[in-house]
Amino acid sequence: LTDITRDQLTQNISSKSPSKRTWRKTRRKKECEEIL
């Protein structure tokens, strides 16, 4: 993952709880699933 992608994920977690819905909204779903 690039720093930009990590920043976006971090912002999503900060603004909302890291629920499955938040991860689904991200464009790169596969990369998010790999993190989880």
PDB file of N, CA and C in Angstrom:
ATOM      1  N   LEU A   1       0.837  -1.198   0.000  1.00  0.00           N
ATOM      2  CA  LEU A   1       0.000   0.000   0.000  1.00  0.00           C
ATOM      3  C   LEU A   1       0.874   1.252   0.000  1.00  0.00           C
ATOM      4  N   THR A   2       0.403   2.267  -0.679  1.00  0.00           N
ATOM      5  CA  THR A   2       1.145   3.527  -0.721  1.00  0.00           C
ATOM      6  C   THR A   2       0.803   4.371   0.498  1.00  0.00           C
ATOM      7  N   ASP A   3       1.613   5.364   0.778  1.00  0.00           N
ATOM      8  CA  ASP A   3       1.366   6.233   1.928  1.00  0.00           C
ATOM      9  C   ASP A   3       0.019   6.933   1.786  1.00  0.00           C
ATOM     10  N   ILE A   4      -0.327   7.295   0.547  1.00  0.00           N
ATOM     11  CA  ILE A   4      -1.599   7.989   0.322  1.00  0.00           C
ATOM     12  C   ILE A   4      -2.760   7.083   0.716  1.00  0.00           C
ATOM     13  N   THR A   5      -2.695   5.836   0.301  1.00  0.00           N
ATOM     14  CA  THR A   5      -3.783   4.906   0.627  1.00  0.00           C
ATOM     15  C   THR A   5      -3.877   4.730   2.136  1.00  0.00           C
ATOM     16  N   ARG A   6      -2.736   4.617   2.793  1.00  0.00           N
ATOM     17  CA  ARG A   6      -2.743   4.445   4.248  1.00  0.00           C
ATOM     18  C   ARG A   6      -3.354   5.659   4.920  1.00  0.00           C
ATOM     19  N   ASP A   7      -3.029   6.840   4.414  1.00  0.00           N
ATOM     20  CA  ASP A   7      -3.586   8.063   4.994  1.00  0.00           C
ATOM     21  C   ASP A   7      -5.101   8.075   4.862  1.00  0.00           C
ATOM     22  N   GLN A   8      -5.587   7.659   3.698  1.00  0.00           N
ATOM     23  CA  GLN A   8      -7.034   7.652   3.474  1.00  0.00           C
ATOM     24  C   GLN A   8      -7.708   6.678   4.436  1.00  0.00           C
ATOM     25  N   LEU A   9      -7.110   5.513   4.616  1.00  0.00           N
ATOM     26  CA  LEU A   9      -7.689   4.526   5.526  1.00  0.00           C
ATOM     27  C   LEU A   9      -7.659   5.060   6.951  1.00  0.00           C
ATOM     28  N   THR A  10      -6.567   5.731   7.303  1.00  0.00           N
ATOM     29  CA  THR A  10      -6.451   6.287   8.649  1.00  0.00           C
ATOM     30  C   THR A  10      -7.528   7.333   8.886  1.00  0.00           C
ATOM     31  N   GLN A  11      -7.782   8.168   7.889  1.00  0.00           N
ATOM     32  CA  GLN A  11      -8.813   9.205   8.026  1.00  0.00           C
ATOM     33  C   GLN A  11     -10.186   8.564   8.196  1.00  0.00           C
ATOM     34  N   ASN A  12     -10.434   7.492   7.452  1.00  0.00           N
ATOM     35  CA  ASN A  12     -11.725   6.817   7.565  1.00  0.00           C
ATOM     36  C   ASN A  12     -11.906   6.257   8.971  1.00  0.00           C
ATOM     37  N   ILE A  13     -10.834   5.695   9.529  1.00  0.00           N
ATOM     38  CA  ILE A  13     -10.918   5.132  10.878  1.00  0.00           C
ATOM     39  C   ILE A  13     -11.111   6.254  11.894  1.00  0.00           C
ATOM     40  N   SER A  14     -10.443   7.374  11.672  1.00  0.00           N
ATOM     41  CA  SER A  14     -10.534   8.490  12.611  1.00  0.00           C
ATOM     42  C   SER A  14     -11.942   9.086  12.602  1.00  0.00           C
ATOM     43  N   SER A  15     -12.497   9.280  11.408  1.00  0.00           N
ATOM     44  CA  SER A  15     -13.809   9.910  11.307  1.00  0.00           C
ATOM     45  C   SER A  15     -14.914   8.944  11.710  1.00  0.00           C
ATOM     46  N   LYS A  16     -14.746   7.671  11.345  1.00  0.00           N
ATOM     47  CA  LYS A  16     -15.774   6.678  11.685  1.00  0.00           C
ATOM     48  C   LYS A  16     -15.116   5.446  12.284  1.00  0.00           C
ATOM     49  N   SER A  17     -15.877   4.710  13.051  1.00  0.00           N
ATOM     50  CA  SER A  17     -15.328   3.480  13.611  1.00  0.00           C
ATOM     51  C   SER A  17     -14.979   2.519  12.479  1.00  0.00           C
ATOM     52  N   PRO A  18     -13.899   1.752  12.615  1.00  0.00           N
ATOM     53  CA  PRO A  18     -13.455   0.839  11.547  1.00  0.00           C
ATOM     54  C   PRO A  18     -14.413  -0.320  11.356  1.00  0.00           C
ATOM     55  N   SER A  19     -15.600   0.001  10.882  1.00  0.00           N
ATOM     56  CA  SER A  19     -16.586  -1.053  10.644  1.00  0.00           C
ATOM     57  C   SER A  19     -16.439  -1.591   9.231  1.00  0.00           C
ATOM     58  N   LYS A  20     -17.083  -2.700   8.966  1.00  0.00           N
ATOM     59  CA  LYS A  20     -16.986  -3.300   7.634  1.00  0.00           C
ATOM     60  C   LYS A  20     -17.544  -2.347   6.583  1.00  0.00           C
ATOM     61  N   ARG A  21     -18.558  -1.578   6.950  1.00  0.00           N
ATOM     62  CA  ARG A  21     -19.153  -0.648   5.980  1.00  0.00           C
ATOM     63  C   ARG A  21     -18.118   0.367   5.507  1.00  0.00           C
ATOM     64  N   THR A  22     -17.317   0.879   6.427  1.00  0.00           N
ATOM     65  CA  THR A  22     -16.305   1.877   6.060  1.00  0.00           C
ATOM     66  C   THR A  22     -15.317   1.281   5.082  1.00  0.00           C
ATOM     67  N   TRP A  23     -14.888   0.031   5.330  1.00  0.00           N
ATOM     68  CA  TRP A  23     -13.915  -0.600   4.439  1.00  0.00           C
ATOM     69  C   TRP A  23     -14.539  -0.832   3.075  1.00  0.00           C
ATOM     70  N   ARG A  24     -15.807  -1.188   3.033  1.00  0.00           N
ATOM     71  CA  ARG A  24     -16.467  -1.460   1.751  1.00  0.00           C
ATOM     72  C   ARG A  24     -16.538  -0.203   0.898  1.00  0.00           C
ATOM     73  N   LYS A  25     -16.645   0.948   1.540  1.00  0.00           N
ATOM     74  CA  LYS A  25     -16.762   2.203   0.789  1.00  0.00           C
ATOM     75  C   LYS A  25     -15.466   2.530   0.053  1.00  0.00           C
ATOM     76  N   THR A  26     -14.348   2.035   0.567  1.00  0.00           N
ATOM     77  CA  THR A  26     -13.076   2.337  -0.085  1.00  0.00           C
ATOM     78  C   THR A  26     -13.025   1.695  -1.456  1.00  0.00           C
ATOM     79  N   ARG A  27     -12.351   2.364  -2.386  1.00  0.00           N
ATOM     80  CA  ARG A  27     -12.314   1.872  -3.762  1.00  0.00           C
ATOM     81  C   ARG A  27     -11.529   0.569  -3.858  1.00  0.00           C
ATOM     82  N   ARG A  28     -10.407   0.491  -3.151  1.00  0.00           N
ATOM     83  CA  ARG A  28      -9.572  -0.713  -3.222  1.00  0.00           C
ATOM     84  C   ARG A  28      -9.996  -1.678  -2.127  1.00  0.00           C
ATOM     85  N   LYS A  29     -11.036  -2.436  -2.395  1.00  0.00           N
ATOM     86  CA  LYS A  29     -11.592  -3.346  -1.392  1.00  0.00           C
ATOM     87  C   LYS A  29     -10.618  -4.478  -1.073  1.00  0.00           C
ATOM     88  N   LYS A  30      -9.971  -5.012  -2.093  1.00  0.00           N
ATOM     89  CA  LYS A  30      -9.071  -6.156  -1.886  1.00  0.00           C
ATOM     90  C   LYS A  30      -7.941  -5.793  -0.934  1.00  0.00           C
ATOM     91  N   GLU A  31      -7.338  -4.615  -1.127  1.00  0.00           N
ATOM     92  CA  GLU A  31      -6.224  -4.209  -0.273  1.00  0.00           C
ATOM     93  C   GLU A  31      -6.698  -4.031   1.170  1.00  0.00           C
ATOM     94  N   CYS A  32      -7.898  -3.530   1.338  1.00  0.00           N
ATOM     95  CA  CYS A  32      -8.437  -3.333   2.682  1.00  0.00           C
ATOM     96  C   CYS A  32      -8.636  -4.681   3.357  1.00  0.00           C
ATOM     97  N   GLU A  33      -9.139  -5.657   2.607  1.00  0.00           N
ATOM     98  CA  GLU A  33      -9.365  -6.982   3.181  1.00  0.00           C
ATOM     99  C   GLU A  33      -8.037  -7.603   3.599  1.00  0.00           C
ATOM    100  N   GLU A  34      -6.971  -7.323   2.825  1.00  0.00           N
ATOM    101  CA  GLU A  34      -5.659  -7.876   3.171  1.00  0.00           C
ATOM    102  C   GLU A  34      -5.180  -7.308   4.503  1.00  0.00           C
ATOM    103  N   ILE A  35      -5.464  -6.032   4.751  1.00  0.00           N
ATOM    104  CA  ILE A  35      -5.057  -5.393   6.006  1.00  0.00           C
ATOM    105  C   ILE A  35      -5.798  -6.049   7.168  1.00  0.00           C
ATOM    106  N   LEU A  36      -7.090  -6.267   6.995  1.00  0.00           N
ATOM    107  CA  LEU A  36      -7.888  -6.880   8.052  1.00  0.00           C
ATOM    108  C   LEU A  36      -7.497  -8.331   8.204  1.00  0.00           C
TER     109      LEU A  36
END
